[in-house]
Structures are given as structure tokens and as C-alpha cells.
Amino acid sequence: MARVTVEDCVDKVPNRFDLVMLAAHRAREISAGAAITVDRDNDKNPVVSLREIAEETQTADELRERLIESNQHQIEVDEPEEDSMALLMGAESSDKPSDDDMSEEKLLRALMEAQGQG
């Protein structure tokens, strides 16, 4: 393919806005050193990314997933369940509160006293 146009890519990614977002993301990946899946033919990165989309060497679903991952800033971590945490902490599995546990009433009283002193 000597020249690539938007029409070559629209049948792969019907929404032109999505096409621009995916092609721009792929161009940034190429700039960062990602391997190119088509011949460069002295083309710039945005053209190479469009050619990859048109020739389906980079699928829209894969590009969309990588784009989403690149924009995620919060990493979800699975918290261990309470029983596992209790075993890790070496605590007994009894439901009886320990002596250093504070009741809600004691906690509110302590907060009120702290505000009165501050």
C-alpha cells in the first residue's frame, strides 16, 4: 500500500474519532520504540500507524485495550480476605474484641475532647 487514507481505515474502525485516538496512541508507541509491523517506506509514525490499522497488523481491539491501560492511573489490588489477613497477622479468629479496641462511644468522646483542646 503506497498511500493510506482515512477511508482505508474506516471499515476497520468506523468511528473517526476512535480512529484518530487509536492511530495517535500507536504512533506514540512507535516513537517510544515499539516494533513496527509493516514496512516503514520512509513514512512518519502517524502514517505507519494508520497503515498498520488498515492492514490489520494492529487490531482496533488490541490498540483500544492498550490505550485504556496507558491512561489508567489507579491500579486495583485485590485485598486479602479477613480470615487470611488474621492468619497473616497471627491473630486469633475469635469474635471477641481485644482490650485495646475502642467502642464507637469512646472514639466519639476522644474526638470531642481533642477538638475542645485544639
PDB file of N, CA and C in Angstrom:
ATOM      1  N   MET A   1       0.856  -1.174   0.000  1.00  0.00           N
ATOM      2  CA  MET A   1       0.000   0.000   0.000  1.00  0.00           C
ATOM      3  C   MET A   1       0.898   1.232   0.000  1.00  0.00           C
ATOM      4  N   ALA A   2       0.872   1.957  -1.090  1.00  0.00           N
ATOM      5  CA  ALA A   2       1.735   3.120  -1.226  1.00  0.00           C
ATOM      6  C   ALA A   2       1.231   4.292  -0.385  1.00  0.00           C
ATOM      7  N   ARG A   3      -0.054   4.543  -0.457  1.00  0.00           N
ATOM      8  CA  ARG A   3      -0.630   5.633   0.323  1.00  0.00           C
ATOM      9  C   ARG A   3      -1.768   5.087   1.163  1.00  0.00           C
ATOM     10  N   VAL A   4      -1.938   5.670   2.321  1.00  0.00           N
ATOM     11  CA  VAL A   4      -3.041   5.265   3.186  1.00  0.00           C
ATOM     12  C   VAL A   4      -3.939   6.476   3.384  1.00  0.00           C
ATOM     13  N   THR A   5      -5.218   6.229   3.362  1.00  0.00           N
ATOM     14  CA  THR A   5      -6.174   7.292   3.620  1.00  0.00           C
ATOM     15  C   THR A   5      -7.081   6.865   4.761  1.00  0.00           C
ATOM     16  N   VAL A   6      -7.849   7.794   5.229  1.00  0.00           N
ATOM     17  CA  VAL A   6      -8.779   7.502   6.306  1.00  0.00           C
ATOM     18  C   VAL A   6      -9.804   6.466   5.832  1.00  0.00           C
ATOM     19  N   GLU A   7     -10.173   6.527   4.556  1.00  0.00           N
ATOM     20  CA  GLU A   7     -11.158   5.578   4.029  1.00  0.00           C
ATOM     21  C   GLU A   7     -10.656   4.150   4.097  1.00  0.00           C
ATOM     22  N   ASP A   8      -9.331   3.942   4.022  1.00  0.00           N
ATOM     23  CA  ASP A   8      -8.767   2.600   4.149  1.00  0.00           C
ATOM     24  C   ASP A   8      -8.949   2.052   5.561  1.00  0.00           C
ATOM     25  N   CYS A   9      -9.051   2.942   6.525  1.00  0.00           N
ATOM     26  CA  CYS A   9      -9.123   2.530   7.927  1.00  0.00           C
ATOM     27  C   CYS A   9     -10.539   2.542   8.492  1.00  0.00           C
ATOM     28  N   VAL A  10     -11.441   3.301   7.860  1.00  0.00           N
ATOM     29  CA  VAL A  10     -12.781   3.480   8.419  1.00  0.00           C
ATOM     30  C   VAL A  10     -13.552   2.167   8.475  1.00  0.00           C
ATOM     31  N   ASP A  11     -13.294   1.248   7.549  1.00  0.00           N
ATOM     32  CA  ASP A  11     -14.005  -0.022   7.631  1.00  0.00           C
ATOM     33  C   ASP A  11     -13.487  -0.883   8.784  1.00  0.00           C
ATOM     34  N   LYS A  12     -12.273  -0.610   9.285  1.00  0.00           N
ATOM     35  CA  LYS A  12     -11.729  -1.321  10.454  1.00  0.00           C
ATOM     36  C   LYS A  12     -12.181  -0.658  11.750  1.00  0.00           C
ATOM     37  N   VAL A  13     -12.179   0.691  11.752  1.00  0.00           N
ATOM     38  CA  VAL A  13     -12.612   1.480  12.912  1.00  0.00           C
ATOM     39  C   VAL A  13     -13.626   2.500  12.396  1.00  0.00           C
ATOM     40  N   PRO A  14     -14.926   2.215  12.493  1.00  0.00           N
ATOM     41  CA  PRO A  14     -15.948   3.074  11.886  1.00  0.00           C
ATOM     42  C   PRO A  14     -15.997   4.496  12.454  1.00  0.00           C
ATOM     43  N   ASN A  15     -15.754   4.649  13.720  1.00  0.00           N
ATOM     44  CA  ASN A  15     -15.810   5.967  14.343  1.00  0.00           C
ATOM     45  C   ASN A  15     -14.492   6.691  14.085  1.00  0.00           C
ATOM     46  N   ARG A  16     -14.547   7.813  13.390  1.00  0.00           N
ATOM     47  CA  ARG A  16     -13.321   8.534  13.023  1.00  0.00           C
ATOM     48  C   ARG A  16     -12.577   9.076  14.245  1.00  0.00           C
ATOM     49  N   PHE A  17     -13.323   9.474  15.258  1.00  0.00           N
ATOM     50  CA  PHE A  17     -12.672   9.937  16.484  1.00  0.00           C
ATOM     51  C   PHE A  17     -11.865   8.802  17.111  1.00  0.00           C
ATOM     52  N   ASP A  18     -12.470   7.616  17.198  1.00  0.00           N
ATOM     53  CA  ASP A  18     -11.742   6.454  17.723  1.00  0.00           C
ATOM     54  C   ASP A  18     -10.512   6.155  16.873  1.00  0.00           C
ATOM     55  N   LEU A  19     -10.675   6.265  15.570  1.00  0.00           N
ATOM     56  CA  LEU A  19      -9.556   6.004  14.663  1.00  0.00           C
ATOM     57  C   LEU A  19      -8.393   6.948  14.951  1.00  0.00           C
ATOM     58  N   VAL A  20      -8.696   8.218  15.125  1.00  0.00           N
ATOM     59  CA  VAL A  20      -7.645   9.194  15.420  1.00  0.00           C
ATOM     60  C   VAL A  20      -6.978   8.885  16.752  1.00  0.00           C
ATOM     61  N   MET A  21      -7.786   8.556  17.770  1.00  0.00           N
ATOM     62  CA  MET A  21      -7.232   8.243  19.088  1.00  0.00           C
ATOM     63  C   MET A  21      -6.326   7.009  19.028  1.00  0.00           C
ATOM     64  N   LEU A  22      -6.778   5.960  18.339  1.00  0.00           N
ATOM     65  CA  LEU A  22      -6.003   4.728  18.258  1.00  0.00           C
ATOM     66  C   LEU A  22      -4.727   4.928  17.439  1.00  0.00           C
ATOM     67  N   ALA A  23      -4.841   5.635  16.319  1.00  0.00           N
ATOM     68  CA  ALA A  23      -3.666   5.867  15.478  1.00  0.00           C
ATOM     69  C   ALA A  23      -2.648   6.744  16.201  1.00  0.00           C
ATOM     70  N   ALA A  24      -3.120   7.741  16.925  1.00  0.00           N
ATOM     71  CA  ALA A  24      -2.196   8.608  17.675  1.00  0.00           C
ATOM     72  C   ALA A  24      -1.502   7.826  18.776  1.00  0.00           C
ATOM     73  N   HIS A  25      -2.258   6.976  19.451  1.00  0.00           N
ATOM     74  CA  HIS A  25      -1.645   6.161  20.511  1.00  0.00           C
ATOM     75  C   HIS A  25      -0.590   5.227  19.922  1.00  0.00           C
ATOM     76  N   ARG A  26      -0.917   4.601  18.799  1.00  0.00           N
ATOM     77  CA  ARG A  26       0.048   3.692  18.162  1.00  0.00           C
ATOM     78  C   ARG A  26       1.276   4.467  17.687  1.00  0.00           C
ATOM     79  N   ALA A  27       1.088   5.672  17.172  1.00  0.00           N
ATOM     80  CA  ALA A  27       2.224   6.494  16.746  1.00  0.00           C
ATOM     81  C   ALA A  27       3.129   6.819  17.934  1.00  0.00           C
ATOM     82  N   ARG A  28       2.520   7.088  19.095  1.00  0.00           N
ATOM     83  CA  ARG A  28       3.329   7.347  20.300  1.00  0.00           C
ATOM     84  C   ARG A  28       4.083   6.090  20.726  1.00  0.00           C
ATOM     85  N   GLU A  29       3.426   4.920  20.606  1.00  0.00           N
ATOM     86  CA  GLU A  29       4.111   3.662  20.924  1.00  0.00           C
ATOM     87  C   GLU A  29       5.320   3.460  20.011  1.00  0.00           C
ATOM     88  N   ILE A  30       5.147   3.740  18.729  1.00  0.00           N
ATOM     89  CA  ILE A  30       6.254   3.598  17.774  1.00  0.00           C
ATOM     90  C   ILE A  30       7.376   4.568  18.127  1.00  0.00           C
ATOM     91  N   SER A  31       7.022   5.795  18.484  1.00  0.00           N
ATOM     92  CA  SER A  31       8.034   6.777  18.883  1.00  0.00           C
ATOM     93  C   SER A  31       8.805   6.335  20.115  1.00  0.00           C
ATOM     94  N   ALA A  32       8.120   5.587  20.993  1.00  0.00           N
ATOM     95  CA  ALA A  32       8.749   5.103  22.223  1.00  0.00           C
ATOM     96  C   ALA A  32       9.592   3.852  21.983  1.00  0.00           C
ATOM     97  N   GLY A  33       9.582   3.334  20.735  1.00  0.00           N
ATOM     98  CA  GLY A  33      10.439   2.197  20.433  1.00  0.00           C
ATOM     99  C   GLY A  33       9.735   0.888  20.170  1.00  0.00           C
ATOM    100  N   ALA A  34       8.417   0.902  20.041  1.00  0.00           N
ATOM    101  CA  ALA A  34       7.686  -0.337  19.753  1.00  0.00           C
ATOM    102  C   ALA A  34       8.023  -0.822  18.347  1.00  0.00           C
ATOM    103  N   ALA A  35       7.975  -2.131  18.159  1.00  0.00           N
ATOM    104  CA  ALA A  35       8.284  -2.717  16.860  1.00  0.00           C
ATOM    105  C   ALA A  35       7.185  -2.381  15.855  1.00  0.00           C
ATOM    106  N   ILE A  36       7.601  -2.086  14.628  1.00  0.00           N
ATOM    107  CA  ILE A  36       6.670  -1.763  13.555  1.00  0.00           C
ATOM    108  C   ILE A  36       6.290  -3.058  12.853  1.00  0.00           C
ATOM    109  N   THR A  37       5.001  -3.213  12.534  1.00  0.00           N
ATOM    110  CA  THR A  37       4.527  -4.461  11.940  1.00  0.00           C
ATOM    111  C   THR A  37       4.323  -4.373  10.434  1.00  0.00           C
ATOM    112  N   VAL A  38       4.645  -3.227   9.816  1.00  0.00           N
ATOM    113  CA  VAL A  38       4.603  -3.060   8.357  1.00  0.00           C
ATOM    114  C   VAL A  38       5.906  -2.406   7.921  1.00  0.00           C
ATOM    115  N   ASP A  39       6.184  -2.411   6.618  1.00  0.00           N
ATOM    116  CA  ASP A  39       7.373  -1.715   6.121  1.00  0.00           C
ATOM    117  C   ASP A  39       7.189  -0.217   6.299  1.00  0.00           C
ATOM    118  N   ARG A  40       8.260   0.454   6.750  1.00  0.00           N
ATOM    119  CA  ARG A  40       8.176   1.881   7.015  1.00  0.00           C
ATOM    120  C   ARG A  40       8.040   2.688   5.729  1.00  0.00           C
ATOM    121  N   ASP A  41       8.753   2.337   4.682  1.00  0.00           N
ATOM    122  CA  ASP A  41       8.718   3.059   3.400  1.00  0.00           C
ATOM    123  C   ASP A  41       8.936   4.558   3.574  1.00  0.00           C
ATOM    124  N   ASN A  42       9.807   4.919   4.487  1.00  0.00           N
ATOM    125  CA  ASN A  42      10.157   6.319   4.750  1.00  0.00           C
ATOM    126  C   ASN A  42       8.951   7.151   5.201  1.00  0.00           C
ATOM    127  N   ASP A  43       7.940   6.498   5.788  1.00  0.00           N
ATOM    128  CA  ASP A  43       6.760   7.200   6.298  1.00  0.00           C
ATOM    129  C   ASP A  43       6.980   7.607   7.749  1.00  0.00           C
ATOM    130  N   LYS A  44       6.271   8.626   8.153  1.00  0.00           N
ATOM    131  CA  LYS A  44       6.338   9.061   9.548  1.00  0.00           C
ATOM    132  C   LYS A  44       5.435   8.171  10.399  1.00  0.00           C
ATOM    133  N   ASN A  45       5.626   8.258  11.705  1.00  0.00           N
ATOM    134  CA  ASN A  45       4.926   7.361  12.633  1.00  0.00           C
ATOM    135  C   ASN A  45       3.397   7.387  12.508  1.00  0.00           C
ATOM    136  N   PRO A  46       2.752   8.553  12.364  1.00  0.00           N
ATOM    137  CA  PRO A  46       1.291   8.529  12.223  1.00  0.00           C
ATOM    138  C   PRO A  46       0.826   7.767  10.969  1.00  0.00           C
ATOM    139  N   VAL A  47       1.560   7.904   9.882  1.00  0.00           N
ATOM    140  CA  VAL A  47       1.200   7.196   8.649  1.00  0.00           C
ATOM    141  C   VAL A  47       1.424   5.697   8.830  1.00  0.00           C
ATOM    142  N   VAL A  48       2.531   5.337   9.484  1.00  0.00           N
ATOM    143  CA  VAL A  48       2.804   3.925   9.742  1.00  0.00           C
ATOM    144  C   VAL A  48       1.698   3.334  10.605  1.00  0.00           C
ATOM    145  N   SER A  49       1.248   4.070  11.617  1.00  0.00           N
ATOM    146  CA  SER A  49       0.191   3.552  12.489  1.00  0.00           C
ATOM    147  C   SER A  49      -1.114   3.373  11.715  1.00  0.00           C
ATOM    148  N   LEU A  50      -1.448   4.298  10.827  1.00  0.00           N
ATOM    149  CA  LEU A  50      -2.643   4.143  10.003  1.00  0.00           C
ATOM    150  C   LEU A  50      -2.511   2.949   9.059  1.00  0.00           C
ATOM    151  N   ARG A  51      -1.335   2.741   8.499  1.00  0.00           N
ATOM    152  CA  ARG A  51      -1.120   1.595   7.622  1.00  0.00           C
ATOM    153  C   ARG A  51      -1.271   0.290   8.393  1.00  0.00           C
ATOM    154  N   GLU A  52      -0.788   0.264   9.652  1.00  0.00           N
ATOM    155  CA  GLU A  52      -0.943  -0.928  10.481  1.00  0.00           C
ATOM    156  C   GLU A  52      -2.421  -1.224  10.745  1.00  0.00           C
ATOM    157  N   ILE A  53      -3.190  -0.177  10.987  1.00  0.00           N
ATOM    158  CA  ILE A  53      -4.624  -0.352  11.222  1.00  0.00           C
ATOM    159  C   ILE A  53      -5.313  -0.816   9.939  1.00  0.00           C
ATOM    160  N   ALA A  54      -4.976  -0.208   8.802  1.00  0.00           N
ATOM    161  CA  ALA A  54      -5.600  -0.565   7.530  1.00  0.00           C
ATOM    162  C   ALA A  54      -5.283  -2.010   7.141  1.00  0.00           C
ATOM    163  N   GLU A  55      -4.056  -2.445   7.383  1.00  0.00           N
ATOM    164  CA  GLU A  55      -3.653  -3.808   7.028  1.00  0.00           C
ATOM    165  C   GLU A  55      -3.957  -4.808   8.137  1.00  0.00           C
ATOM    166  N   GLU A  56      -4.534  -4.322   9.225  1.00  0.00           N
ATOM    167  CA  GLU A  56      -4.932  -5.128  10.382  1.00  0.00           C
ATOM    168  C   GLU A  56      -3.780  -5.907  11.006  1.00  0.00           C
ATOM    169  N   THR A  57      -2.572  -5.340  10.954  1.00  0.00           N
ATOM    170  CA  THR A  57      -1.480  -5.945  11.717  1.00  0.00           C
ATOM    171  C   THR A  57      -1.568  -5.511  13.173  1.00  0.00           C
ATOM    172  N   GLN A  58      -2.297  -4.426  13.408  1.00  0.00           N
ATOM    173  CA  GLN A  58      -2.650  -3.982  14.757  1.00  0.00           C
ATOM    174  C   GLN A  58      -4.169  -3.881  14.774  1.00  0.00           C
ATOM    175  N   THR A  59      -4.826  -4.724  15.545  1.00  0.00           N
ATOM    176  CA  THR A  59      -6.288  -4.684  15.560  1.00  0.00           C
ATOM    177  C   THR A  59      -6.787  -3.544  16.437  1.00  0.00           C
ATOM    178  N   ALA A  60      -7.977  -3.078  16.118  1.00  0.00           N
ATOM    179  CA  ALA A  60      -8.562  -1.973  16.878  1.00  0.00           C
ATOM    180  C   ALA A  60      -8.785  -2.359  18.334  1.00  0.00           C
ATOM    181  N   ASP A  61      -9.190  -3.608  18.578  1.00  0.00           N
ATOM    182  CA  ASP A  61      -9.432  -4.043  19.962  1.00  0.00           C
ATOM    183  C   ASP A  61      -8.150  -4.042  20.779  1.00  0.00           C
ATOM    184  N   GLU A  62      -7.048  -4.531  20.197  1.00  0.00           N
ATOM    185  CA  GLU A  62      -5.767  -4.539  20.914  1.00  0.00           C
ATOM    186  C   GLU A  62      -5.299  -3.111  21.188  1.00  0.00           C
ATOM    187  N   LEU A  63      -5.400  -2.249  20.186  1.00  0.00           N
ATOM    188  CA  LEU A  63      -4.995  -0.852  20.372  1.00  0.00           C
ATOM    189  C   LEU A  63      -5.855  -0.164  21.422  1.00  0.00           C
ATOM    190  N   ARG A  64      -7.168  -0.416  21.382  1.00  0.00           N
ATOM    191  CA  ARG A  64      -8.077   0.202  22.359  1.00  0.00           C
ATOM    192  C   ARG A  64      -7.714  -0.236  23.778  1.00  0.00           C
ATOM    193  N   GLU A  65      -7.416  -1.514  23.946  1.00  0.00           N
ATOM    194  CA  GLU A  65      -7.060  -2.023  25.274  1.00  0.00           C
ATOM    195  C   GLU A  65      -5.757  -1.384  25.771  1.00  0.00           C
ATOM    196  N   ARG A  66      -4.784  -1.273  24.893  1.00  0.00           N
ATOM    197  CA  ARG A  66      -3.506  -0.654  25.296  1.00  0.00           C
ATOM    198  C   ARG A  66      -3.681   0.833  25.587  1.00  0.00           C
ATOM    199  N   LEU A  67      -4.544   1.502  24.837  1.00  0.00           N
ATOM    200  CA  LEU A  67      -4.817   2.916  25.089  1.00  0.00           C
ATOM    201  C   LEU A  67      -5.456   3.095  26.455  1.00  0.00           C
ATOM    202  N   ILE A  68      -6.407   2.250  26.786  1.00  0.00           N
ATOM    203  CA  ILE A  68      -7.070   2.324  28.092  1.00  0.00           C
ATOM    204  C   ILE A  68      -6.059   2.076  29.206  1.00  0.00           C
ATOM    205  N   GLU A  69      -5.233   1.052  29.055  1.00  0.00           N
ATOM    206  CA  GLU A  69      -4.234   0.732  30.076  1.00  0.00           C
ATOM    207  C   GLU A  69      -3.246   1.877  30.260  1.00  0.00           C
ATOM    208  N   SER A  70      -2.887   2.548  29.175  1.00  0.00           N
ATOM    209  CA  SER A  70      -1.916   3.639  29.280  1.00  0.00           C
ATOM    210  C   SER A  70      -2.490   4.838  30.025  1.00  0.00           C
ATOM    211  N   ASN A  71      -3.825   4.967  30.037  1.00  0.00           N
ATOM    212  CA  ASN A  71      -4.464   6.089  30.714  1.00  0.00           C
ATOM    213  C   ASN A  71      -4.919   5.770  32.130  1.00  0.00           C
ATOM    214  N   GLN A  72      -4.791   4.532  32.544  1.00  0.00           N
ATOM    215  CA  GLN A  72      -5.190   4.171  33.896  1.00  0.00           C
ATOM    216  C   GLN A  72      -4.086   4.564  34.864  1.00  0.00           C
ATOM    217  N   HIS A  73      -4.478   5.275  35.897  1.00  0.00           N
ATOM    218  CA  HIS A  73      -3.511   5.719  36.899  1.00  0.00           C
ATOM    219  C   HIS A  73      -3.654   4.969  38.206  1.00  0.00           C
ATOM    220  N   GLN A  74      -4.823   4.436  38.480  1.00  0.00           N
ATOM    221  CA  GLN A  74      -5.061   3.707  39.715  1.00  0.00           C
ATOM    222  C   GLN A  74      -4.980   2.220  39.417  1.00  0.00           C
ATOM    223  N   ILE A  75      -4.159   1.535  40.166  1.00  0.00           N
ATOM    224  CA  ILE A  75      -4.004   0.106  39.989  1.00  0.00           C
ATOM    225  C   ILE A  75      -4.833  -0.589  41.062  1.00  0.00           C
ATOM    226  N   GLU A  76      -5.731  -1.455  40.611  1.00  0.00           N
ATOM    227  CA  GLU A  76      -6.575  -2.171  41.557  1.00  0.00           C
ATOM    228  C   GLU A  76      -5.799  -3.341  42.134  1.00  0.00           C
ATOM    229  N   VAL A  77      -5.836  -3.437  43.461  1.00  0.00           N
ATOM    230  CA  VAL A  77      -5.164  -4.529  44.154  1.00  0.00           C
ATOM    231  C   VAL A  77      -6.219  -5.309  44.912  1.00  0.00           C
ATOM    232  N   ASP A  78      -6.228  -6.592  44.716  1.00  0.00           N
ATOM    233  CA  ASP A  78      -7.169  -7.428  45.455  1.00  0.00           C
ATOM    234  C   ASP A  78      -6.726  -7.494  46.908  1.00  0.00           C
ATOM    235  N   GLU A  79      -7.639  -7.123  47.803  1.00  0.00           N
ATOM    236  CA  GLU A  79      -7.351  -7.172  49.229  1.00  0.00           C
ATOM    237  C   GLU A  79      -7.552  -8.592  49.721  1.00  0.00           C
ATOM    238  N   PRO A  80      -6.673  -9.082  50.590  1.00  0.00           N
ATOM    239  CA  PRO A  80      -6.885 -10.427  51.135  1.00  0.00           C
ATOM    240  C   PRO A  80      -8.122 -10.429  52.026  1.00  0.00           C
ATOM    241  N   GLU A  81      -8.768 -11.569  52.088  1.00  0.00           N
ATOM    242  CA  GLU A  81      -9.954 -11.674  52.918  1.00  0.00           C
ATOM    243  C   GLU A  81      -9.560 -11.601  54.384  1.00  0.00           C
ATOM    244  N   GLU A  82     -10.534 -11.304  55.249  1.00  0.00           N
ATOM    245  CA  GLU A  82     -10.255 -11.095  56.666  1.00  0.00           C
ATOM    246  C   GLU A  82      -9.616 -12.313  57.311  1.00  0.00           C
ATOM    247  N   ASP A  83     -10.105 -13.502  56.987  1.00  0.00           N
ATOM    248  CA  ASP A  83      -9.543 -14.699  57.587  1.00  0.00           C
ATOM    249  C   ASP A  83      -8.078 -14.851  57.215  1.00  0.00           C
ATOM    250  N   SER A  84      -7.769 -14.601  55.965  1.00  0.00           N
ATOM    251  CA  SER A  84      -6.382 -14.695  55.521  1.00  0.00           C
ATOM    252  C   SER A  84      -5.535 -13.630  56.208  1.00  0.00           C
ATOM    253  N   MET A  85      -6.100 -12.429  56.321  1.00  0.00           N
ATOM    254  CA  MET A  85      -5.367 -11.342  56.971  1.00  0.00           C
ATOM    255  C   MET A  85      -5.122 -11.665  58.436  1.00  0.00           C
ATOM    256  N   ALA A  86      -6.117 -12.244  59.109  1.00  0.00           N
ATOM    257  CA  ALA A  86      -5.951 -12.598  60.511  1.00  0.00           C
ATOM    258  C   ALA A  86      -4.858 -13.643  60.665  1.00  0.00           C
ATOM    259  N   LEU A  87      -4.810 -14.604  59.770  1.00  0.00           N
ATOM    260  CA  LEU A  87      -3.756 -15.615  59.828  1.00  0.00           C
ATOM    261  C   LEU A  87      -2.384 -14.990  59.576  1.00  0.00           C
ATOM    262  N   LEU A  88      -2.339 -14.052  58.635  1.00  0.00           N
ATOM    263  CA  LEU A  88      -1.069 -13.388  58.346  1.00  0.00           C
ATOM    264  C   LEU A  88      -0.587 -12.554  59.533  1.00  0.00           C
ATOM    265  N   MET A  89      -1.548 -11.941  60.230  1.00  0.00           N
ATOM    266  CA  MET A  89      -1.207 -11.084  61.358  1.00  0.00           C
ATOM    267  C   MET A  89      -0.975 -11.888  62.631  1.00  0.00           C
ATOM    268  N   GLY A  90      -1.293 -13.171  62.603  1.00  0.00           N
ATOM    269  CA  GLY A  90      -1.086 -14.011  63.776  1.00  0.00           C
ATOM    270  C   GLY A  90      -2.158 -13.827  64.827  1.00  0.00           C
ATOM    271  N   ALA A  91      -3.290 -13.261  64.433  1.00  0.00           N
ATOM    272  CA  ALA A  91      -4.368 -13.017  65.389  1.00  0.00           C
ATOM    273  C   ALA A  91      -5.235 -14.265  65.515  1.00  0.00           C
ATOM    274  N   GLU A  92      -5.919 -14.357  66.651  1.00  0.00           N
ATOM    275  CA  GLU A  92      -6.854 -15.451  66.853  1.00  0.00           C
ATOM    276  C   GLU A  92      -8.127 -15.138  66.076  1.00  0.00           C
ATOM    277  N   SER A  93      -8.867 -16.157  65.720  1.00  0.00           N
ATOM    278  CA  SER A  93     -10.064 -15.947  64.915  1.00  0.00           C
ATOM    279  C   SER A  93     -11.313 -15.765  65.775  1.00  0.00           C
ATOM    280  N   SER A  94     -11.161 -15.318  67.006  1.00  0.00           N
ATOM    281  CA  SER A  94     -12.329 -15.124  67.868  1.00  0.00           C
ATOM    282  C   SER A  94     -12.993 -13.796  67.538  1.00  0.00           C
ATOM    283  N   ASP A  95     -14.296 -13.714  67.795  1.00  0.00           N
ATOM    284  CA  ASP A  95     -15.051 -12.507  67.528  1.00  0.00           C
ATOM    285  C   ASP A  95     -15.002 -11.535  68.698  1.00  0.00           C
ATOM    286  N   LYS A  96     -14.395 -11.925  69.804  1.00  0.00           N
ATOM    287  CA  LYS A  96     -14.334 -11.071  70.979  1.00  0.00           C
ATOM    288  C   LYS A  96     -13.342  -9.930  70.729  1.00  0.00           C
ATOM    289  N   PRO A  97     -13.764  -8.672  70.924  1.00  0.00           N
ATOM    290  CA  PRO A  97     -12.834  -7.566  70.706  1.00  0.00           C
ATOM    291  C   PRO A  97     -11.729  -7.580  71.757  1.00  0.00           C
ATOM    292  N   SER A  98     -10.571  -7.155  71.360  1.00  0.00           N
ATOM    293  CA  SER A  98      -9.452  -7.124  72.299  1.00  0.00           C
ATOM    294  C   SER A  98      -9.573  -5.912  73.210  1.00  0.00           C
ATOM    295  N   ASP A  99      -8.731  -5.849  74.228  1.00  0.00           N
ATOM    296  CA  ASP A  99      -8.816  -4.780  75.221  1.00  0.00           C
ATOM    297  C   ASP A  99      -8.485  -3.415  74.624  1.00  0.00           C
ATOM    298  N   ASP A 100      -7.658  -3.383  73.602  1.00  0.00           N
ATOM    299  CA  ASP A 100      -7.274  -2.093  73.046  1.00  0.00           C
ATOM    300  C   ASP A 100      -8.260  -1.586  71.986  1.00  0.00           C
ATOM    301  N   ASP A 101      -9.319  -2.357  71.672  1.00  0.00           N
ATOM    302  CA  ASP A 101     -10.346  -1.897  70.736  1.00  0.00           C
ATOM    303  C   ASP A 101     -11.168  -0.808  71.406  1.00  0.00           C
ATOM    304  N   MET A 102     -11.512   0.224  70.648  1.00  0.00           N
ATOM    305  CA  MET A 102     -12.264   1.331  71.186  1.00  0.00           C
ATOM    306  C   MET A 102     -13.701   1.237  70.687  1.00  0.00           C
ATOM    307  N   SER A 103     -14.657   1.396  71.566  1.00  0.00           N
ATOM    308  CA  SER A 103     -16.051   1.387  71.137  1.00  0.00           C
ATOM    309  C   SER A 103     -16.336   2.700  70.412  1.00  0.00           C
ATOM    310  N   GLU A 104     -17.436   2.739  69.725  1.00  0.00           N
ATOM    311  CA  GLU A 104     -17.805   3.948  68.988  1.00  0.00           C
ATOM    312  C   GLU A 104     -17.998   5.121  69.945  1.00  0.00           C
ATOM    313  N   GLU A 105     -18.590   4.837  71.098  1.00  0.00           N
ATOM    314  CA  GLU A 105     -18.822   5.888  72.088  1.00  0.00           C
ATOM    315  C   GLU A 105     -17.505   6.453  72.610  1.00  0.00           C
ATOM    316  N   LYS A 106     -16.551   5.572  72.922  1.00  0.00           N
ATOM    317  CA  LYS A 106     -15.248   6.023  73.406  1.00  0.00           C
ATOM    318  C   LYS A 106     -14.516   6.822  72.333  1.00  0.00           C
ATOM    319  N   LEU A 107     -14.631   6.404  71.087  1.00  0.00           N
ATOM    320  CA  LEU A 107     -13.975   7.109  69.998  1.00  0.00           C
ATOM    321  C   LEU A 107     -14.558   8.505  69.827  1.00  0.00           C
ATOM    322  N   LEU A 108     -15.895   8.631  69.878  1.00  0.00           N
ATOM    323  CA  LEU A 108     -16.517   9.942  69.763  1.00  0.00           C
ATOM    324  C   LEU A 108     -16.136  10.849  70.922  1.00  0.00           C
ATOM    325  N   ARG A 109     -16.080  10.283  72.133  1.00  0.00           N
ATOM    326  CA  ARG A 109     -15.689  11.071  73.303  1.00  0.00           C
ATOM    327  C   ARG A 109     -14.258  11.577  73.157  1.00  0.00           C
ATOM    328  N   ALA A 110     -13.372  10.723  72.662  1.00  0.00           N
ATOM    329  CA  ALA A 110     -11.980  11.122  72.477  1.00  0.00           C
ATOM    330  C   ALA A 110     -11.863  12.204  71.411  1.00  0.00           C
ATOM    331  N   LEU A 111     -12.656  12.112  70.359  1.00  0.00           N
ATOM    332  CA  LEU A 111     -12.629  13.136  69.317  1.00  0.00           C
ATOM    333  C   LEU A 111     -13.149  14.469  69.839  1.00  0.00           C
ATOM    334  N   MET A 112     -14.199  14.433  70.630  1.00  0.00           N
ATOM    335  CA  MET A 112     -14.764  15.662  71.196  1.00  0.00           C
ATOM    336  C   MET A 112     -13.761  16.327  72.133  1.00  0.00           C
ATOM    337  N   GLU A 113     -13.069  15.528  72.935  1.00  0.00           N
ATOM    338  CA  GLU A 113     -12.072  16.079  73.843  1.00  0.00           C
ATOM    339  C   GLU A 113     -10.897  16.680  73.071  1.00  0.00           C
ATOM    340  N   ALA A 114     -10.525  16.046  71.987  1.00  0.00           N
ATOM    341  CA  ALA A 114      -9.413  16.564  71.186  1.00  0.00           C
ATOM    342  C   ALA A 114      -9.788  17.886  70.534  1.00  0.00           C
ATOM    343  N   GLN A 115     -11.032  18.051  70.099  1.00  0.00           N
ATOM    344  CA  GLN A 115     -11.464  19.297  69.491  1.00  0.00           C
ATOM    345  C   GLN A 115     -11.542  20.403  70.531  1.00  0.00           C
ATOM    346  N   GLY A 116     -11.927  20.037  71.754  1.00  0.00           N
ATOM    347  CA  GLY A 116     -12.028  21.031  72.806  1.00  0.00           C
ATOM    348  C   GLY A 116     -10.657  21.572  73.218  1.00  0.00           C
ATOM    349  N   GLN A 117      -9.623  20.755  73.100  1.00  0.00           N
ATOM    350  CA  GLN A 117      -8.279  21.173  73.493  1.00  0.00           C
ATOM    351  C   GLN A 117      -7.591  21.954  72.374  1.00  0.00           C
ATOM    352  N   GLY A 118      -7.998  21.729  71.107  1.00  0.00           N
ATOM    353  CA  GLY A 118      -7.321  22.342  69.962  1.00  0.00           C
ATOM    354  C   GLY A 118      -7.810  23.666  69.669  1.00  0.00           C
TER     355      GLY A 118
END
